[in-house]
């Protein structure tokens, strides 16, 4: 593989295949798999990722917003796409592009029924979301009668699935809470199915739910972060391969003396002779200011180089006093060895935030 000569995010589709097949191996043969590709497929490339997964015969996709679903349709995605957080202003677009909305409260349910009737739809597939403890989106248990009355009073929409979202499935100290969520979901789903008089797919498990709660796989599971190489635990991380490698290059090397400062606001002051490298990546590219002043780091020639001073919009500076390197050498911000999770932890954040923050101006390179 060629060395990076500029800032680039390399996306390894072979690693994606590995992760998908590993997760599928955890499921029963008839359990469907929904791939979450919101936020540009967790900061990578939603269209390329989705097309590859579609070729692997994934069953469903999910995005957060309608515009993300439209982009997938424009890229040639034909599989069903669930929109997790739709807004009524986009409901006609959802119908026009054959997207499937999550309906999570009375307002959006009534609004989508109205839109579907206006567009002369029949049994348009929708997904009914229950809140079982995350307290973010979703109907409550005592809304079953209302939901069923709305669905049964017209034929414009039909429940394709009933679902909820686990709050702490990665934390086995919260097992009791998670099992309460599972029980609550089963009760609400059964009540609604009984009231409707027809069945719908049930799905509850996210990535850690897939790995930790096989009894709750139901008809379909949803995975986001594990597809991209992170299993929310050291044990599961060993079974997955990070698909993205963020690389850059040493633009310039400075030699500074004791008392000299580096970067904006003179945030770094040298205690002695130092060798400093400037790298063309900054907070506009997703390396936030919280990685500055000795918290974050990169790797040059397999040696760790701490970020010094404040992160600039387009650049970071790192201490390479102890590293034998030259201008033009490759810099690894994260890859499958020096992972995004390790870098994120240095600034008291999580891999999700780091990888989804990588700017669209960073060049993407697909590795097959």
Protein backbone atom coordinates (compact mmCIF):
# COMPACT_ATOMS: atom_id res chain seq x y z
CA UNK A 1 0.00 0.00 0.00
CA UNK A 2 1.40 3.40 -1.02
CA UNK A 3 2.51 5.82 1.68
CA UNK A 4 0.27 8.83 2.23
CA UNK A 5 1.46 12.03 0.56
CA UNK A 6 -1.43 14.13 1.84
CA UNK A 7 -4.16 13.84 4.44
CA UNK A 8 -6.33 10.89 3.44
CA UNK A 9 -8.87 8.51 4.99
CA UNK A 10 -8.33 5.01 3.66
CA UNK A 11 -11.39 2.74 3.82
CA UNK A 12 -10.75 -1.00 3.73
CA UNK A 13 -13.72 -2.88 2.28
CA UNK A 14 -12.13 -6.24 3.12
CA UNK A 15 -12.23 -5.26 6.80
CA UNK A 16 -15.88 -4.29 6.37
CA UNK A 17 -16.64 -7.72 4.91
CA UNK A 18 -14.88 -9.38 7.84
CA UNK A 19 -16.88 -7.40 10.39
CA UNK A 20 -20.19 -8.06 8.65
CA UNK A 21 -19.52 -11.79 8.43
CA UNK A 22 -18.42 -11.93 12.08
CA UNK A 23 -21.63 -10.26 13.22
CA UNK A 24 -23.74 -12.46 10.96
CA UNK A 25 -22.13 -15.51 12.55
CA UNK A 26 -23.75 -14.48 15.84
CA UNK A 27 -27.26 -14.66 14.39
CA UNK A 28 -29.73 -17.39 13.63
CA UNK A 29 -30.13 -18.09 9.94
CA UNK A 30 -33.48 -16.33 9.61
CA UNK A 31 -32.55 -13.20 11.64
CA UNK A 32 -32.31 -10.16 9.38
CA UNK A 33 -29.40 -7.72 9.52
CA UNK A 34 -29.83 -3.94 9.40
CA UNK A 35 -26.69 -1.90 8.73
CA UNK A 36 -26.61 1.58 10.24
CA UNK A 37 -24.91 3.94 7.78
CA UNK A 38 -25.92 7.31 9.22
CA UNK A 39 -23.42 10.17 9.56
CA UNK A 40 -21.67 9.26 6.29
CA UNK A 41 -21.34 5.66 7.52
CA UNK A 42 -19.76 6.78 10.77
CA UNK A 43 -17.44 9.23 9.07
CA UNK A 44 -16.28 7.03 6.21
CA UNK A 45 -18.23 7.01 2.92
CA UNK A 46 -21.92 6.11 3.16
CA UNK A 47 -22.48 5.41 -0.53
CA UNK A 48 -19.43 3.14 -0.95
CA UNK A 49 -20.09 1.35 2.34
CA UNK A 50 -23.77 0.80 1.57
CA UNK A 51 -23.12 -0.44 -1.96
CA UNK A 52 -20.57 -2.94 -0.64
CA UNK A 53 -22.96 -4.16 2.05
CA UNK A 54 -25.79 -4.39 -0.46
CA UNK A 55 -23.57 -6.67 -2.55
CA UNK A 56 -23.07 -8.77 0.61
CA UNK A 57 -26.87 -9.06 0.77
CA UNK A 58 -27.57 -7.02 3.89
CA UNK A 59 -31.32 -6.89 4.55
CA UNK A 60 -31.91 -3.28 5.62
CA UNK A 61 -30.16 0.04 6.04
CA UNK A 62 -30.79 2.79 8.57
CA UNK A 63 -29.95 6.48 8.47
CA UNK A 64 -30.77 9.28 10.89
CA UNK A 65 -32.14 11.89 8.49
CA UNK A 66 -34.15 11.90 5.29
CA UNK A 67 -31.37 13.57 3.27
CA UNK A 68 -29.07 10.64 4.08
CA UNK A 69 -31.63 8.20 2.72
CA UNK A 70 -32.05 10.26 -0.45
CA UNK A 71 -28.28 10.21 -1.00
CA UNK A 72 -28.27 6.42 -0.73
CA UNK A 73 -31.10 6.10 -3.24
CA UNK A 74 -29.21 8.41 -5.61
CA UNK A 75 -26.15 6.14 -5.23
CA UNK A 76 -28.10 3.07 -6.30
CA UNK A 77 -29.22 1.54 -3.00
CA UNK A 78 -32.38 -0.48 -3.57
CA UNK A 79 -32.68 -2.25 -0.20
CA UNK A 80 -35.18 -0.90 2.36
CA UNK A 81 -33.95 2.18 4.24
CA UNK A 82 -35.25 3.09 7.69
CA UNK A 83 -35.11 6.79 8.61
CA UNK A 84 -34.60 6.85 12.36
CA UNK A 85 -35.36 10.51 13.09
CA UNK A 86 -37.59 11.91 10.34
CA UNK A 87 -39.31 15.27 10.48
CA UNK A 88 -42.81 15.92 9.06
CA UNK A 89 -41.48 18.52 6.61
CA UNK A 90 -39.72 15.65 4.79
CA UNK A 91 -42.54 13.11 4.72
CA UNK A 92 -43.44 13.63 1.05
CA UNK A 93 -39.78 13.14 0.12
CA UNK A 94 -39.72 9.96 2.20
CA UNK A 95 -42.65 8.59 0.20
CA UNK A 96 -41.28 9.80 -3.13
CA UNK A 97 -37.96 8.03 -2.50
CA UNK A 98 -39.44 4.86 -0.95
CA UNK A 99 -37.85 5.44 2.45
CA UNK A 100 -39.42 4.05 5.62
CA UNK A 101 -39.97 6.37 8.59
CA UNK A 102 -39.67 5.67 12.29
CA UNK A 103 -42.85 7.00 13.89
CA UNK A 104 -42.11 7.82 17.50
CA UNK A 105 -44.90 10.04 18.85
CA UNK A 106 -48.49 11.09 18.17
CA UNK A 107 -47.50 14.18 16.18
CA UNK A 108 -45.35 12.35 13.64
CA UNK A 109 -47.80 9.44 13.42
CA UNK A 110 -50.75 11.72 12.59
CA UNK A 111 -48.63 13.79 10.23
CA UNK A 112 -47.37 10.78 8.29
CA UNK A 113 -50.85 9.30 8.01
CA UNK A 114 -52.07 12.62 6.62
CA UNK A 115 -49.23 12.74 4.09
CA UNK A 116 -49.71 9.10 3.07
CA UNK A 117 -53.44 9.66 2.53
CA UNK A 118 -52.75 12.78 0.48
CA UNK A 119 -50.26 10.81 -1.66
CA UNK A 120 -52.86 8.02 -2.06
CA UNK A 121 -50.66 5.37 -0.44
CA UNK A 122 -51.85 1.91 0.61
CA UNK A 123 -50.11 -0.04 3.41
CA UNK A 124 -47.01 2.15 3.22
CA UNK A 125 -44.35 0.55 5.50
CA UNK A 126 -43.63 2.39 8.74
CA UNK A 127 -41.72 1.47 11.88
CA UNK A 128 -43.26 2.05 15.31
CA UNK A 129 -40.72 2.98 17.97
CA UNK A 130 -41.24 2.44 21.69
CA UNK A 131 -39.26 4.15 24.44
CA UNK A 132 -38.13 1.45 26.87
CA UNK A 133 -35.71 3.49 28.98
CA UNK A 134 -33.33 5.44 26.77
CA UNK A 135 -35.77 8.35 27.06
CA UNK A 136 -34.82 9.85 23.74
CA UNK A 137 -37.51 9.01 21.17
CA UNK A 138 -40.47 6.65 21.24
CA UNK A 139 -44.03 5.95 22.30
CA UNK A 140 -44.75 4.81 25.85
CA UNK A 141 -46.26 1.46 26.84
CA UNK A 142 -49.61 3.10 27.51
CA UNK A 143 -49.78 4.46 23.93
CA UNK A 144 -50.58 1.03 22.43
CA UNK A 145 -54.33 1.65 22.18
CA UNK A 146 -53.77 5.03 20.53
CA UNK A 147 -51.28 3.63 18.01
CA UNK A 148 -53.49 0.69 17.08
CA UNK A 149 -56.56 2.89 16.68
CA UNK A 150 -54.68 5.20 14.31
CA UNK A 151 -53.27 2.33 12.25
CA UNK A 152 -56.56 0.43 12.07
CA UNK A 153 -58.63 3.46 11.14
CA UNK A 154 -56.99 3.84 7.73
CA UNK A 155 -55.22 1.74 5.11
CA UNK A 156 -52.60 4.24 4.02
CA UNK A 157 -49.86 2.87 6.30
CA UNK A 158 -48.93 -0.46 7.86
CA UNK A 159 -46.46 -1.33 10.62
CA UNK A 160 -43.50 -3.07 8.97
CA UNK A 161 -41.72 -3.32 12.30
CA UNK A 162 -41.89 -2.49 15.98
CA UNK A 163 -38.61 -1.52 17.62
CA UNK A 164 -36.80 0.13 20.49
CA UNK A 165 -33.23 1.00 21.45
CA UNK A 166 -31.07 -0.33 24.28
CA UNK A 167 -29.41 2.24 26.52
CA UNK A 168 -26.49 0.34 28.08
CA UNK A 169 -26.11 -3.02 26.35
CA UNK A 170 -22.31 -2.73 26.37
CA UNK A 171 -22.19 -2.37 30.17
CA UNK A 172 -22.70 -5.72 31.88
CA UNK A 173 -23.05 -3.87 35.20
CA UNK A 174 -26.33 -2.62 33.75
CA UNK A 175 -27.59 -6.09 32.84
CA UNK A 176 -30.66 -5.80 35.05
CA UNK A 177 -31.66 -2.52 33.40
CA UNK A 178 -31.14 -4.00 29.92
CA UNK A 179 -33.23 -7.05 30.77
CA UNK A 180 -35.97 -4.71 32.00
CA UNK A 181 -35.84 -2.95 28.64
CA UNK A 182 -36.09 -6.27 26.81
CA UNK A 183 -39.10 -7.30 28.89
CA UNK A 184 -40.80 -3.93 28.40
CA UNK A 185 -40.26 -4.12 24.64
CA UNK A 186 -41.65 -7.65 24.40
CA UNK A 187 -44.77 -6.64 26.32
CA UNK A 188 -45.43 -3.52 24.25
CA UNK A 189 -44.79 -5.31 20.95
CA UNK A 190 -47.11 -8.19 21.86
CA UNK A 191 -49.88 -5.82 22.92
CA UNK A 192 -49.62 -3.85 19.70
CA UNK A 193 -49.49 -6.93 17.46
CA UNK A 194 -52.51 -8.39 19.25
CA UNK A 195 -54.39 -5.12 18.82
CA UNK A 196 -53.46 -4.78 15.12
CA UNK A 197 -54.27 -8.36 14.22
CA UNK A 198 -51.19 -8.82 12.07
CA UNK A 199 -47.49 -9.45 12.75
CA UNK A 200 -44.59 -7.06 12.28
CA UNK A 201 -40.84 -7.49 12.50
CA UNK A 202 -39.35 -6.91 15.95
CA UNK A 203 -35.89 -5.41 16.41
CA UNK A 204 -34.17 -4.16 19.52
CA UNK A 205 -30.48 -5.07 19.54
CA UNK A 206 -27.74 -2.64 18.64
CA UNK A 207 -24.09 -3.75 18.27
CA UNK A 208 -23.58 -4.65 21.93
CA UNK A 209 -27.04 -6.13 22.09
CA UNK A 210 -26.07 -8.48 19.26
CA UNK A 211 -22.96 -9.55 21.13
CA UNK A 212 -24.32 -9.69 24.69
CA UNK A 213 -28.04 -10.51 24.45
CA UNK A 214 -28.68 -13.24 21.84
CA UNK A 215 -32.07 -13.92 23.42
CA UNK A 216 -33.18 -10.47 22.22
CA UNK A 217 -32.20 -10.77 18.55
CA UNK A 218 -35.87 -11.25 17.55
CA UNK A 219 -36.54 -10.83 13.80
CA UNK A 220 -33.79 -8.34 13.00
CA UNK A 221 -30.74 -6.72 14.59
CA UNK A 222 -29.10 -3.37 13.93
CA UNK A 223 -25.37 -2.72 13.87
CA UNK A 224 -23.42 0.48 13.39
CA UNK A 225 -20.11 0.80 15.20
CA UNK A 226 -19.09 -2.87 14.92
CA UNK A 227 -19.31 -2.73 11.13
CA UNK A 228 -16.64 -0.06 11.29
CA UNK A 229 -14.40 -2.11 13.57
CA UNK A 230 -15.25 -1.36 17.20
CA UNK A 231 -17.02 -3.75 19.56
CA UNK A 232 -17.42 -1.57 22.66
CA UNK A 233 -15.12 -3.89 24.64
CA UNK A 234 -11.49 -4.98 24.51
CA UNK A 235 -12.61 -8.58 24.00
CA UNK A 236 -14.82 -7.84 21.00
CA UNK A 237 -12.38 -5.36 19.49
CA UNK A 238 -10.05 -8.32 18.89
CA UNK A 239 -12.70 -9.95 16.71
CA UNK A 240 -13.20 -6.87 14.53
CA UNK A 241 -11.06 -4.87 12.11
CA UNK A 242 -11.21 -1.06 11.98
CA UNK A 243 -12.07 -0.19 8.38
CA UNK A 244 -10.65 3.35 8.38
CA UNK A 245 -7.07 4.59 8.52
CA UNK A 246 -6.49 8.33 8.82
CA UNK A 247 -3.08 9.30 7.48
CA UNK A 248 -1.19 12.48 6.75
CA UNK A 249 2.33 13.72 6.13
CA UNK A 250 5.05 15.81 7.76
CA UNK A 251 4.90 19.21 6.03
CA UNK A 252 7.73 20.94 7.87
CA UNK A 253 10.16 20.36 10.73
CA UNK A 254 11.19 23.14 13.10
CA UNK A 255 14.02 23.23 15.61
CA UNK A 256 13.19 25.40 18.62
CA UNK A 257 15.15 26.47 21.67
CA UNK A 258 14.25 26.73 25.33
CA UNK A 259 11.62 29.41 25.97
CA UNK A 260 10.23 29.46 22.42
CA UNK A 261 6.53 28.85 21.94
CA UNK A 262 4.46 26.93 19.43
CA UNK A 263 1.07 27.77 17.93
CA UNK A 264 -1.78 30.10 18.74
CA UNK A 265 -1.88 31.82 22.12
CA UNK A 266 1.66 30.50 22.68
CA UNK A 267 0.02 27.53 24.38
CA UNK A 268 3.19 25.43 24.29
CA UNK A 269 6.42 26.75 25.78
CA UNK A 270 9.55 24.71 25.27
CA UNK A 271 11.55 23.66 28.32
CA UNK A 272 14.59 22.96 26.17
CA UNK A 273 15.71 22.11 22.63
CA UNK A 274 12.87 20.50 20.69
CA UNK A 275 12.21 19.20 17.19
CA UNK A 276 8.66 19.96 16.05
CA UNK A 277 6.71 18.62 13.04
CA UNK A 278 3.76 20.39 11.43
CA UNK A 279 1.06 18.15 9.93
CA UNK A 280 -1.77 19.26 7.58
CA UNK A 281 -4.80 18.26 9.62
CA UNK A 282 -6.72 20.26 12.20
CA UNK A 283 -10.02 20.88 13.91
CA UNK A 284 -11.71 21.60 10.56
CA UNK A 285 -10.81 18.03 9.63
CA UNK A 286 -12.14 16.45 12.82
CA UNK A 287 -9.14 16.59 15.15
CA UNK A 288 -10.76 18.82 17.75
CA UNK A 289 -9.05 21.28 20.06
CA UNK A 290 -9.54 18.86 22.94
CA UNK A 291 -6.72 16.75 21.45
CA UNK A 292 -4.22 19.58 21.88
CA UNK A 293 -1.69 20.41 24.56
CA UNK A 294 -0.27 16.96 25.10
CA UNK A 295 -3.50 14.94 25.17
CA UNK A 296 -3.66 13.60 21.64
CA UNK A 297 -0.93 11.97 19.60
CA UNK A 298 0.03 10.59 16.20
CA UNK A 299 2.54 7.98 15.06
CA UNK A 300 5.50 8.63 12.80
CA UNK A 301 7.70 5.69 11.82
CA UNK A 302 5.82 3.70 14.50
CA UNK A 303 6.88 6.16 17.21
CA UNK A 304 4.35 8.10 19.27
CA UNK A 305 4.45 11.88 18.85
CA UNK A 306 2.36 14.01 21.20
CA UNK A 307 0.34 16.95 19.89
CA UNK A 308 1.67 20.17 21.41
CA UNK A 309 0.05 23.57 21.67
CA UNK A 310 -3.46 24.30 20.46
CA UNK A 311 -4.89 22.40 17.51
CA UNK A 312 -5.21 24.82 14.59
CA UNK A 313 -7.99 24.80 12.01
CA UNK A 314 -5.83 23.13 9.36
CA UNK A 315 -2.71 21.98 11.23
CA UNK A 316 -1.34 20.28 14.29
CA UNK A 317 2.18 20.40 15.65
CA UNK A 318 3.79 17.38 17.32
CA UNK A 319 6.94 16.77 19.31
CA UNK A 320 9.36 14.60 17.28
CA UNK A 321 12.48 15.29 19.32
CA UNK A 322 12.87 11.56 19.96
CA UNK A 323 11.93 10.39 16.45
CA UNK A 324 14.16 9.95 13.40
CA UNK A 325 12.02 11.33 10.58
CA UNK A 326 12.01 13.78 7.68
CA UNK A 327 9.72 16.19 5.90
CA UNK A 328 7.44 14.17 3.62
CA UNK A 329 7.28 11.16 5.95
CA UNK A 330 3.91 9.49 6.52
CA UNK A 331 1.95 10.21 9.70
CA UNK A 332 -0.62 7.80 11.16
CA UNK A 333 -3.41 9.50 13.10
CA UNK A 334 -5.24 6.19 13.49
CA UNK A 335 -5.40 2.84 11.72
CA UNK A 336 -6.04 -0.81 12.58
CA UNK A 337 -2.98 -0.90 14.85
CA UNK A 338 -3.02 2.55 16.41
CA UNK A 339 -6.78 2.73 16.72
CA UNK A 340 -9.23 5.61 16.80
CA UNK A 341 -10.44 4.27 20.13
CA UNK A 342 -6.99 4.72 21.68
CA UNK A 343 -6.73 8.28 20.36
CA UNK A 344 -10.27 9.13 21.49
CA UNK A 345 -9.59 7.91 25.02
CA UNK A 346 -6.62 10.27 25.28
CA UNK A 347 -9.04 13.20 25.15
CA UNK A 348 -11.74 11.59 27.28
CA UNK A 349 -14.09 10.92 24.39
CA UNK A 350 -15.20 7.86 22.38
CA UNK A 351 -14.37 6.36 19.01
CA UNK A 352 -17.85 7.28 17.70
CA UNK A 353 -17.18 11.00 18.14
CA UNK A 354 -13.73 10.91 16.60
CA UNK A 355 -14.51 8.89 13.49
CA UNK A 356 -17.79 10.68 12.73
CA UNK A 357 -16.01 14.04 13.00
CA UNK A 358 -13.67 13.45 10.06
CA UNK A 359 -14.44 16.27 7.66
CA UNK A 360 -15.76 15.70 4.15
CA UNK A 361 -12.81 17.73 2.86
CA UNK A 362 -10.48 14.89 3.84
CA UNK A 363 -9.87 12.78 0.76
CA UNK A 364 -11.39 9.28 0.88
CA UNK A 365 -9.52 6.35 -0.70
CA UNK A 366 -11.26 3.01 -1.06
CA UNK A 367 -9.07 -0.06 -0.50
CA UNK A 368 -10.42 -3.31 -1.92
